[in-house]
Amino acid sequence: MGKRTRSVKRLALCCSVLFVCFEFSLMPISASATQSPLVRNCAGTSLVGAPAFTNVSAGNTLMTFVITNVGIASCRIGGFPQLYGVRDNRRYKVNVYSHATQGGNLHPTVLLPRMSGAFILDVSDDDACAANGDPDVSLYTYTGEVLILPDKDGQVEIGGSILYAPCGLADSQLGWAKGFRYN
């Protein structure tokens, strides 16, 4: 075998390896990657939350929040956080009666730095809960939310949204879903 043939084969091998590496870098993070012990759960100090979208229709309000990794490392979000409403600079536990929303459920996911996930609240405007009399609006209105992360990994504060939940609400997991959009 001549030198030229060996050089061509080496060049072809190097190009093949580079091509495969490039293709793998373009692949989305798989579900198995979300279970990797190398990726830690997100801490509250590396997450920021904000209202993204609210949809009101037929007696229900879907509120979607963006949860962004502002840390310097990849981390995993998932699970159902504890939800508190903020009113007059105090926190109040909000009644979550179901872990499923009309907006679908999200799945645990890995967030790279500056990448966003989501959290959904499904608030029922059901009049049945008011059958015992009108609920005091001020007791069920919150001017912000606090999510206590699963596994006591900290908290995420979300301001800039008004939450009215006299009947309680349903929530999604923290995460993302294939085909999910904020609106």
Foldseek 3Di string as FASTA:
>chain_A
DDPVVVVVVVVVVVVVVVVVVVVVVPDDDDPVNLVDPVAAADFQVQKEKEWQDWDDDDQKIKTKMKIAGQDQAKHKFKDAFFKWFADPNDTDGFAAPAAAAPLGAFGMDIHGHGGIWMKMKMAGNDCVLCPVHHDDQNVFKGQWMKTQGPPRRYIYTYGDDIGGHSPTIYMHITHHDVPDDSD
